[in-house]
Amino acid sequence: MKPKVTMIAWNQNDNYVVTAVNNHLLKVWNSSTGQLLHDLVGHADEVFVLETHPFDCRIMLSAGHDGNVFIWDITKGTKTKHYFNMIEGQGHGAVFDCKFSPDGQHFACTDSHGHLLIFGFGCSRPYEKIPDQMFFHTDYRPLIRDSNNYVLDEQTQQAPHLMPPPFLVDVDGNPHPTKYQRLVPGRENCADEHLIPQLGYVATSDGEVVEQVIGQQTVDQDEPGLEPSILDGMIRQLQLEQDQRTGADQESAPSGPQNGEGTPRRG
């Protein structure tokens, strides 16, 4: 097998360069002389993550498709800490990215199963305030294209960026309590009645019918005594203004080439 370099990283003070090779080795080089100093052994698959510590020039983090995360002392060529990302019932999860916090006390990783892994010193109490499973209810909704080839949400026929902020749900599509819905940008100051989604039964790709979030409200906003969502009203107004501008542009655009030259404009 011809060796190939998959990733390169300089350490914090630029004295060392670490390269990841497709034979699963990490190599530490002197950046001034080019001398090979250490071979770091531990990974069993290709490595695409090399992350240097923000202020400790000795420390380098590596992670790869084998599910392994290593903390190395590159000055000594030794392994300091090791974590294997084993997922119950699914085998290991390949680690796709890692980043240190600015103070160097924590680092976070993301894996191929959609998990966010947070490592660090101290207790995990601050992270216990949020649910283990957090998805937007629109994450896997189908898209379509209109006659202008613009992308629309299939269910609401709206452009995705003009839709109201989504709801937070678990992996089965069940909405989280209102205190978590306020974590979504755009819903921070919403009233409680605007944070309760409308549920309905939806058929999945394998034919199973499940209960999922299908709309904004559990009640009709036009009912007496209920105030409409200010945010949703603004979105509808913006959509209306954009449609009016688009229609005006199309009316003012020439329908064909002028004097046999050029190309027609599109609204």
C-alpha atoms as a PDB file:
ATOM      1  CA  MET A   1       0.000   0.000   0.000  1.00  0.00           C
ATOM      2  CA  LYS A   2       1.293   3.430  -0.926  1.00  0.00           C
ATOM      3  CA  PRO A   3       1.238   5.661   2.193  1.00  0.00           C
ATOM      4  CA  LYS A   4      -0.939   8.771   1.948  1.00  0.00           C
ATOM      5  CA  VAL A   5      -1.192  11.665   4.373  1.00  0.00           C
ATOM      6  CA  THR A   6      -4.816  12.255   5.466  1.00  0.00           C
ATOM      7  CA  MET A   7      -4.348  15.158   7.903  1.00  0.00           C
ATOM      8  CA  ILE A   8      -1.664  17.611   9.070  1.00  0.00           C
ATOM      9  CA  ALA A   9      -1.554  19.809  12.190  1.00  0.00           C
ATOM     10  CA  TRP A  10       1.012  22.104  13.808  1.00  0.00           C
ATOM     11  CA  ASN A  11       1.280  22.123  17.578  1.00  0.00           C
ATOM     12  CA  GLN A  12       0.608  25.266  19.624  1.00  0.00           C
ATOM     13  CA  ASN A  13       4.118  26.768  19.399  1.00  0.00           C
ATOM     14  CA  ASP A  14       4.846  25.507  15.838  1.00  0.00           C
ATOM     15  CA  ASN A  15       7.869  23.449  16.949  1.00  0.00           C
ATOM     16  CA  TYR A  16       6.250  20.180  15.853  1.00  0.00           C
ATOM     17  CA  VAL A  17       4.169  18.985  12.926  1.00  0.00           C
ATOM     18  CA  VAL A  18       1.920  15.921  13.284  1.00  0.00           C
ATOM     19  CA  THR A  19       0.798  13.985  10.215  1.00  0.00           C
ATOM     20  CA  ALA A  20      -1.828  11.257  10.028  1.00  0.00           C
ATOM     21  CA  VAL A  21      -1.056   8.515   7.492  1.00  0.00           C
ATOM     22  CA  ASN A  22      -3.485   6.016   5.971  1.00  0.00           C
ATOM     23  CA  ASN A  23      -1.526   3.133   7.516  1.00  0.00           C
ATOM     24  CA  HIS A  24      -3.137   4.312  10.818  1.00  0.00           C
ATOM     25  CA  LEU A  25       0.089   5.819  12.236  1.00  0.00           C
ATOM     26  CA  LEU A  26       0.577   9.370  13.473  1.00  0.00           C
ATOM     27  CA  LYS A  27       4.037  10.807  12.865  1.00  0.00           C
ATOM     28  CA  VAL A  28       5.605  13.655  14.844  1.00  0.00           C
ATOM     29  CA  TRP A  29       8.170  15.775  13.013  1.00  0.00           C
ATOM     30  CA  ASN A  30      10.564  18.529  14.005  1.00  0.00           C
ATOM     31  CA  SER A  31       9.229  21.523  12.066  1.00  0.00           C
ATOM     32  CA  SER A  32      12.682  23.125  11.690  1.00  0.00           C
ATOM     33  CA  THR A  33      14.817  20.149  10.644  1.00  0.00           C
ATOM     34  CA  GLY A  34      12.154  17.814   9.213  1.00  0.00           C
ATOM     35  CA  GLN A  35      13.430  15.011  11.447  1.00  0.00           C
ATOM     36  CA  LEU A  36      10.935  12.246  12.342  1.00  0.00           C
ATOM     37  CA  LEU A  37      10.702  12.171  16.141  1.00  0.00           C
ATOM     38  CA  HIS A  38       7.919   9.713  17.039  1.00  0.00           C
ATOM     39  CA  ASP A  39       5.464   7.207  15.593  1.00  0.00           C
ATOM     40  CA  LEU A  40       2.219   7.303  17.578  1.00  0.00           C
ATOM     41  CA  VAL A  41       0.508   3.893  17.522  1.00  0.00           C
ATOM     42  CA  GLY A  42      -3.088   3.297  18.594  1.00  0.00           C
ATOM     43  CA  HIS A  43      -5.548   3.957  15.783  1.00  0.00           C
ATOM     44  CA  ALA A  44      -6.996   1.054  13.800  1.00  0.00           C
ATOM     45  CA  ASP A  45      -8.503   3.081  10.923  1.00  0.00           C
ATOM     46  CA  GLU A  46      -7.859   6.298   9.054  1.00  0.00           C
ATOM     47  CA  VAL A  47      -7.571   9.521  11.056  1.00  0.00           C
ATOM     48  CA  PHE A  48      -9.140  12.750   9.809  1.00  0.00           C
ATOM     49  CA  VAL A  49      -9.117  14.746  13.067  1.00  0.00           C
ATOM     50  CA  LEU A  50      -5.996  16.356  14.540  1.00  0.00           C
ATOM     51  CA  GLU A  51      -6.586  19.147  17.043  1.00  0.00           C
ATOM     52  CA  THR A  52      -3.898  20.992  18.998  1.00  0.00           C
ATOM     53  CA  HIS A  53      -4.400  22.205  22.563  1.00  0.00           C
ATOM     54  CA  PRO A  54      -5.072  25.972  22.725  1.00  0.00           C
ATOM     55  CA  PHE A  55      -2.115  26.749  24.992  1.00  0.00           C
ATOM     56  CA  ASP A  56      -0.259  23.559  26.011  1.00  0.00           C
ATOM     57  CA  CYS A  57       2.279  22.887  23.246  1.00  0.00           C
ATOM     58  CA  ARG A  58       2.737  19.262  24.395  1.00  0.00           C
ATOM     59  CA  ILE A  59      -0.867  18.174  23.837  1.00  0.00           C
ATOM     60  CA  MET A  60      -2.442  16.963  20.585  1.00  0.00           C
ATOM     61  CA  LEU A  61      -5.845  15.271  20.140  1.00  0.00           C
ATOM     62  CA  SER A  62      -6.556  12.733  17.404  1.00  0.00           C
ATOM     63  CA  ALA A  63      -9.765  10.934  16.417  1.00  0.00           C
ATOM     64  CA  GLY A  64     -10.723   8.657  13.560  1.00  0.00           C
ATOM     65  CA  HIS A  65     -13.158   6.353  11.843  1.00  0.00           C
ATOM     66  CA  ASP A  66     -12.254   3.569  14.270  1.00  0.00           C
ATOM     67  CA  GLY A  67     -14.144   5.391  17.051  1.00  0.00           C
ATOM     68  CA  ASN A  68     -10.977   6.100  19.031  1.00  0.00           C
ATOM     69  CA  VAL A  69     -10.144   9.469  20.587  1.00  0.00           C
ATOM     70  CA  PHE A  70      -6.582   9.914  21.879  1.00  0.00           C
ATOM     71  CA  ILE A  71      -4.834  12.641  23.853  1.00  0.00           C
ATOM     72  CA  TRP A  72      -1.113  12.532  23.081  1.00  0.00           C
ATOM     73  CA  ASP A  73       2.012  14.048  24.621  1.00  0.00           C
ATOM     74  CA  ILE A  74       3.825  14.669  21.336  1.00  0.00           C
ATOM     75  CA  THR A  75       7.074  15.778  23.010  1.00  0.00           C
ATOM     76  CA  LYS A  76       7.448  12.318  24.595  1.00  0.00           C
ATOM     77  CA  GLY A  77       5.530  10.375  21.948  1.00  0.00           C
ATOM     78  CA  THR A  78       3.225   8.858  24.557  1.00  0.00           C
ATOM     79  CA  LYS A  79      -0.512   8.282  24.969  1.00  0.00           C
ATOM     80  CA  THR A  80      -2.073  10.311  27.810  1.00  0.00           C
ATOM     81  CA  LYS A  81      -5.789   9.469  27.589  1.00  0.00           C
ATOM     82  CA  HIS A  82      -7.940   7.227  25.391  1.00  0.00           C
ATOM     83  CA  TYR A  83     -11.683   6.958  24.768  1.00  0.00           C
ATOM     84  CA  PHE A  84     -13.454   4.407  22.545  1.00  0.00           C
ATOM     85  CA  ASN A  85     -16.821   5.540  21.192  1.00  0.00           C
ATOM     86  CA  MET A  86     -18.835   2.350  21.629  1.00  0.00           C
ATOM     87  CA  ILE A  87     -22.597   2.734  21.032  1.00  0.00           C
ATOM     88  CA  GLU A  88     -24.804   0.124  22.673  1.00  0.00           C
ATOM     89  CA  GLY A  89     -26.344  -2.198  20.118  1.00  0.00           C
ATOM     90  CA  GLN A  90     -24.727  -0.439  17.142  1.00  0.00           C
ATOM     91  CA  GLY A  91     -20.986  -1.032  17.447  1.00  0.00           C
ATOM     92  CA  HIS A  92     -18.552   1.863  17.431  1.00  0.00           C
ATOM     93  CA  GLY A  93     -19.279   5.303  16.038  1.00  0.00           C
ATOM     94  CA  ALA A  94     -16.706   6.950  13.762  1.00  0.00           C
ATOM     95  CA  VAL A  95     -15.584  10.323  15.141  1.00  0.00           C
ATOM     96  CA  PHE A  96     -15.811  13.032  12.485  1.00  0.00           C
ATOM     97  CA  ASP A  97     -14.706  16.193  14.297  1.00  0.00           C
ATOM     98  CA  CYS A  98     -13.304  17.459  17.620  1.00  0.00           C
ATOM     99  CA  LYS A  99     -12.616  20.907  19.059  1.00  0.00           C
ATOM    100  CA  PHE A 100     -11.068  22.174  22.293  1.00  0.00           C
ATOM    101  CA  SER A 101     -12.741  24.897  24.338  1.00  0.00           C
ATOM    102  CA  PRO A 102     -10.769  28.182  24.484  1.00  0.00           C
ATOM    103  CA  ASP A 103      -9.654  27.475  28.074  1.00  0.00           C
ATOM    104  CA  GLY A 104      -8.458  23.977  27.170  1.00  0.00           C
ATOM    105  CA  GLN A 105     -10.524  22.384  29.955  1.00  0.00           C
ATOM    106  CA  HIS A 106     -13.058  20.713  27.665  1.00  0.00           C
ATOM    107  CA  PHE A 107     -13.337  19.297  24.172  1.00  0.00           C
ATOM    108  CA  ALA A 108     -16.350  18.220  22.142  1.00  0.00           C
ATOM    109  CA  CYS A 109     -16.630  15.535  19.446  1.00  0.00           C
ATOM    110  CA  THR A 110     -19.303  14.620  16.915  1.00  0.00           C
ATOM    111  CA  ASP A 111     -19.740  11.107  15.569  1.00  0.00           C
ATOM    112  CA  SER A 112     -21.348   9.333  12.618  1.00  0.00           C
ATOM    113  CA  HIS A 113     -24.509   8.562  14.634  1.00  0.00           C
ATOM    114  CA  GLY A 114     -25.326  12.219  15.290  1.00  0.00           C
ATOM    115  CA  HIS A 115     -24.048  12.271  18.865  1.00  0.00           C
ATOM    116  CA  LEU A 116     -22.305  15.213  20.529  1.00  0.00           C
ATOM    117  CA  LEU A 117     -19.715  13.982  23.036  1.00  0.00           C
ATOM    118  CA  ILE A 118     -18.430  16.448  25.645  1.00  0.00           C
ATOM    119  CA  PHE A 119     -15.300  15.692  27.700  1.00  0.00           C
ATOM    120  CA  GLY A 120     -13.687  17.741  30.426  1.00  0.00           C
ATOM    121  CA  PHE A 121     -12.870  18.348  34.059  1.00  0.00           C
ATOM    122  CA  GLY A 122     -15.446  18.718  36.826  1.00  0.00           C
ATOM    123  CA  CYS A 123     -19.007  17.410  36.994  1.00  0.00           C
ATOM    124  CA  SER A 124     -21.591  16.930  34.245  1.00  0.00           C
ATOM    125  CA  ARG A 125     -24.405  18.724  36.117  1.00  0.00           C
ATOM    126  CA  PRO A 126     -24.562  21.740  33.728  1.00  0.00           C
ATOM    127  CA  TYR A 127     -25.200  19.350  30.813  1.00  0.00           C
ATOM    128  CA  GLU A 128     -27.983  17.435  32.566  1.00  0.00           C
ATOM    129  CA  LYS A 129     -30.419  20.337  32.051  1.00  0.00           C
ATOM    130  CA  ILE A 130     -31.107  19.384  28.433  1.00  0.00           C
ATOM    131  CA  PRO A 131     -32.578  16.153  27.003  1.00  0.00           C
ATOM    132  CA  ASP A 132     -30.354  13.437  25.532  1.00  0.00           C
ATOM    133  CA  GLN A 133     -32.200  13.516  22.198  1.00  0.00           C
ATOM    134  CA  MET A 134     -32.718  16.847  20.451  1.00  0.00           C
ATOM    135  CA  PHE A 135     -33.869  17.165  16.840  1.00  0.00           C
ATOM    136  CA  PHE A 136     -35.819  19.793  14.903  1.00  0.00           C
ATOM    137  CA  HIS A 137     -39.187  18.439  13.805  1.00  0.00           C
ATOM    138  CA  THR A 138     -38.370  19.571  10.239  1.00  0.00           C
ATOM    139  CA  ASP A 139     -35.020  17.762  10.036  1.00  0.00           C
ATOM    140  CA  TYR A 140     -36.257  14.896   7.852  1.00  0.00           C
ATOM    141  CA  ARG A 141     -39.240  16.464   6.128  1.00  0.00           C
ATOM    142  CA  PRO A 142     -39.334  16.009   2.325  1.00  0.00           C
ATOM    143  CA  LEU A 143     -38.654  18.926  -0.040  1.00  0.00           C
ATOM    144  CA  ILE A 144     -40.086  19.653  -3.481  1.00  0.00           C
ATOM    145  CA  ARG A 145     -39.333  22.151  -6.274  1.00  0.00           C
ATOM    146  CA  ASP A 146     -41.843  24.606  -7.717  1.00  0.00           C
ATOM    147  CA  SER A 147     -42.215  25.749 -11.339  1.00  0.00           C
ATOM    148  CA  ASN A 148     -39.287  28.162 -10.880  1.00  0.00           C
ATOM    149  CA  ASN A 149     -37.143  25.308  -9.540  1.00  0.00           C
ATOM    150  CA  TYR A 150     -37.135  26.854  -6.056  1.00  0.00           C
ATOM    151  CA  VAL A 151     -37.049  24.496  -3.076  1.00  0.00           C
ATOM    152  CA  LEU A 152     -40.206  24.277  -0.938  1.00  0.00           C
ATOM    153  CA  ASP A 153     -41.235  22.323   2.124  1.00  0.00           C
ATOM    154  CA  GLU A 154     -43.602  19.663   0.771  1.00  0.00           C
ATOM    155  CA  GLN A 155     -46.107  19.875   3.609  1.00  0.00           C
ATOM    156  CA  THR A 156     -46.481  23.672   3.956  1.00  0.00           C
ATOM    157  CA  GLN A 157     -45.453  24.703   0.393  1.00  0.00           C
ATOM    158  CA  GLN A 158     -43.168  27.353   1.934  1.00  0.00           C
ATOM    159  CA  ALA A 159     -39.515  28.083   1.332  1.00  0.00           C
ATOM    160  CA  PRO A 160     -37.614  26.455   4.243  1.00  0.00           C
ATOM    161  CA  HIS A 161     -35.904  29.710   5.287  1.00  0.00           C
ATOM    162  CA  LEU A 162     -39.304  31.456   5.550  1.00  0.00           C
ATOM    163  CA  MET A 163     -40.872  28.798   7.779  1.00  0.00           C
ATOM    164  CA  PRO A 164     -41.382  29.567  11.483  1.00  0.00           C
ATOM    165  CA  PRO A 165     -38.668  28.351  13.886  1.00  0.00           C
ATOM    166  CA  PRO A 166     -38.954  24.562  14.273  1.00  0.00           C
ATOM    167  CA  PHE A 167     -39.871  22.652  17.405  1.00  0.00           C
ATOM    168  CA  LEU A 168     -37.439  20.503  19.380  1.00  0.00           C
ATOM    169  CA  VAL A 169     -38.415  16.825  19.441  1.00  0.00           C
ATOM    170  CA  ASP A 170     -36.918  13.500  20.499  1.00  0.00           C
ATOM    171  CA  VAL A 171     -35.824  10.760  18.107  1.00  0.00           C
ATOM    172  CA  ASP A 172     -39.440   9.506  17.825  1.00  0.00           C
ATOM    173  CA  GLY A 173     -40.800  12.965  16.956  1.00  0.00           C
ATOM    174  CA  ASN A 174     -42.334  13.659  20.388  1.00  0.00           C
ATOM    175  CA  PRO A 175     -42.062  17.378  21.310  1.00  0.00           C
ATOM    176  CA  HIS A 176     -40.064  18.472  24.356  1.00  0.00           C
ATOM    177  CA  PRO A 177     -41.592  20.675  27.107  1.00  0.00           C
ATOM    178  CA  THR A 178     -41.998  24.396  26.524  1.00  0.00           C
ATOM    179  CA  LYS A 179     -38.894  25.314  28.582  1.00  0.00           C
ATOM    180  CA  TYR A 180     -36.755  23.592  25.941  1.00  0.00           C
ATOM    181  CA  GLN A 181     -38.668  25.103  23.016  1.00  0.00           C
ATOM    182  CA  ARG A 182     -37.468  28.539  24.164  1.00  0.00           C
ATOM    183  CA  LEU A 183     -33.897  27.447  23.421  1.00  0.00           C
ATOM    184  CA  VAL A 184     -34.681  27.685  19.683  1.00  0.00           C
ATOM    185  CA  PRO A 185     -33.668  31.074  18.203  1.00  0.00           C
ATOM    186  CA  GLY A 186     -36.839  33.025  17.465  1.00  0.00           C
ATOM    187  CA  ARG A 187     -38.872  31.385  20.236  1.00  0.00           C
ATOM    188  CA  GLU A 188     -37.163  32.960  23.274  1.00  0.00           C
ATOM    189  CA  ASN A 189     -40.065  35.285  24.154  1.00  0.00           C
ATOM    190  CA  CYS A 190     -43.029  33.272  22.852  1.00  0.00           C
ATOM    191  CA  ALA A 191     -46.075  32.717  25.044  1.00  0.00           C
ATOM    192  CA  ASP A 192     -46.647  29.178  26.311  1.00  0.00           C
ATOM    193  CA  GLU A 193     -49.567  28.555  23.937  1.00  0.00           C
ATOM    194  CA  HIS A 194     -47.269  29.265  20.978  1.00  0.00           C
ATOM    195  CA  LEU A 195     -44.748  26.686  22.175  1.00  0.00           C
ATOM    196  CA  ILE A 196     -47.134  23.714  22.021  1.00  0.00           C
ATOM    197  CA  PRO A 197     -47.022  22.075  18.580  1.00  0.00           C
ATOM    198  CA  GLN A 198     -49.907  20.439  16.763  1.00  0.00           C
ATOM    199  CA  LEU A 199     -49.531  16.661  16.623  1.00  0.00           C
ATOM    200  CA  GLY A 200     -50.804  14.357  13.909  1.00  0.00           C
ATOM    201  CA  TYR A 201     -50.279  10.922  12.437  1.00  0.00           C
ATOM    202  CA  VAL A 202     -47.763  10.673   9.594  1.00  0.00           C
ATOM    203  CA  ALA A 203     -46.764   7.640   7.486  1.00  0.00           C
ATOM    204  CA  THR A 204     -43.027   6.920   7.435  1.00  0.00           C
ATOM    205  CA  SER A 205     -41.056   5.615   4.460  1.00  0.00           C
ATOM    206  CA  ASP A 206     -41.500   2.007   5.616  1.00  0.00           C
ATOM    207  CA  GLY A 207     -45.280   2.399   5.874  1.00  0.00           C
ATOM    208  CA  GLU A 208     -45.447   2.730   9.659  1.00  0.00           C
ATOM    209  CA  VAL A 209     -47.866   5.398  10.955  1.00  0.00           C
ATOM    210  CA  VAL A 210     -46.406   7.454  13.810  1.00  0.00           C
ATOM    211  CA  GLU A 211     -47.496  10.532  15.749  1.00  0.00           C
ATOM    212  CA  GLN A 212     -45.351  13.565  14.897  1.00  0.00           C
ATOM    213  CA  VAL A 213     -45.355  17.354  14.947  1.00  0.00           C
ATOM    214  CA  ILE A 214     -47.277  18.604  11.900  1.00  0.00           C
ATOM    215  CA  GLY A 215     -48.042  22.256  12.662  1.00  0.00           C
ATOM    216  CA  GLN A 216     -47.576  25.315  14.803  1.00  0.00           C
ATOM    217  CA  GLN A 217     -50.516  25.346  17.192  1.00  0.00           C
ATOM    218  CA  THR A 218     -52.870  22.956  18.956  1.00  0.00           C
ATOM    219  CA  VAL A 219     -55.666  25.518  18.570  1.00  0.00           C
ATOM    220  CA  ASP A 220     -56.836  27.848  15.855  1.00  0.00           C
ATOM    221  CA  GLN A 221     -55.225  31.249  16.266  1.00  0.00           C
ATOM    222  CA  ASP A 222     -58.353  32.896  14.851  1.00  0.00           C
ATOM    223  CA  GLU A 223     -60.394  31.819  17.873  1.00  0.00           C
ATOM    224  CA  PRO A 224     -61.631  34.747  19.994  1.00  0.00           C
ATOM    225  CA  GLY A 225     -59.409  35.540  22.962  1.00  0.00           C
ATOM    226  CA  LEU A 226     -56.213  34.174  21.395  1.00  0.00           C
ATOM    227  CA  GLU A 227     -53.523  36.475  20.105  1.00  0.00           C
ATOM    228  CA  PRO A 228     -51.786  35.408  16.896  1.00  0.00           C
ATOM    229  CA  SER A 229     -48.060  34.705  16.964  1.00  0.00           C
ATOM    230  CA  ILE A 230     -46.214  37.943  16.198  1.00  0.00           C
ATOM    231  CA  LEU A 231     -43.350  35.994  14.634  1.00  0.00           C
ATOM    232  CA  ASP A 232     -45.606  33.973  12.353  1.00  0.00           C
ATOM    233  CA  GLY A 233     -47.414  37.165  11.295  1.00  0.00           C
ATOM    234  CA  MET A 234     -44.095  38.810  10.382  1.00  0.00           C
ATOM    235  CA  ILE A 235     -43.083  35.770   8.348  1.00  0.00           C
ATOM    236  CA  ARG A 236     -46.377  35.813   6.447  1.00  0.00           C
ATOM    237  CA  GLN A 237     -45.993  39.555   5.784  1.00  0.00           C
ATOM    238  CA  LEU A 238     -42.430  39.079   4.482  1.00  0.00           C
ATOM    239  CA  GLN A 239     -43.606  36.256   2.222  1.00  0.00           C
ATOM    240  CA  LEU A 240     -46.417  38.455   0.857  1.00  0.00           C
ATOM    241  CA  GLU A 241     -44.040  41.357   0.154  1.00  0.00           C
ATOM    242  CA  GLN A 242     -41.564  39.037  -1.571  1.00  0.00           C
ATOM    243  CA  ASP A 243     -44.332  37.562  -3.738  1.00  0.00           C
ATOM    244  CA  GLN A 244     -45.444  41.084  -4.716  1.00  0.00           C
ATOM    245  CA  ARG A 245     -41.877  42.107  -5.623  1.00  0.00           C
ATOM    246  CA  THR A 246     -41.383  38.917  -7.635  1.00  0.00           C
ATOM    247  CA  GLY A 247     -44.605  39.553  -9.544  1.00  0.00           C
ATOM    248  CA  ALA A 248     -43.606  43.161 -10.302  1.00  0.00           C
ATOM    249  CA  ASP A 249     -40.171  42.072 -11.545  1.00  0.00           C
ATOM    250  CA  GLN A 250     -41.702  39.476 -13.844  1.00  0.00           C
ATOM    251  CA  GLU A 251     -44.117  42.039 -15.322  1.00  0.00           C
ATOM    252  CA  SER A 252     -41.307  44.551 -16.007  1.00  0.00           C
ATOM    253  CA  ALA A 253     -38.899  41.998 -17.488  1.00  0.00           C
ATOM    254  CA  PRO A 254     -38.756  41.752 -21.301  1.00  0.00           C
ATOM    255  CA  SER A 255     -40.187  38.543 -22.678  1.00  0.00           C
ATOM    256  CA  GLY A 256     -37.455  37.943 -25.273  1.00  0.00           C
ATOM    257  CA  PRO A 257     -34.178  39.205 -26.733  1.00  0.00           C
ATOM    258  CA  GLN A 258     -34.094  42.853 -27.800  1.00  0.00           C
ATOM    259  CA  ASN A 259     -32.958  43.559 -31.378  1.00  0.00           C
ATOM    260  CA  GLY A 260     -31.906  39.956 -31.720  1.00  0.00           C
ATOM    261  CA  GLU A 261     -29.147  40.303 -29.105  1.00  0.00           C
ATOM    262  CA  GLY A 262     -28.703  39.251 -25.504  1.00  0.00           C
ATOM    263  CA  THR A 263     -30.834  36.923 -23.408  1.00  0.00           C
ATOM    264  CA  PRO A 264     -34.182  37.553 -21.704  1.00  0.00           C
ATOM    265  CA  ARG A 265     -34.168  38.527 -18.024  1.00  0.00           C
ATOM    266  CA  ARG A 266     -35.748  36.330 -15.403  1.00  0.00           C
ATOM    267  CA  GLY A 267     -37.826  37.777 -12.618  1.00  0.00           C
END
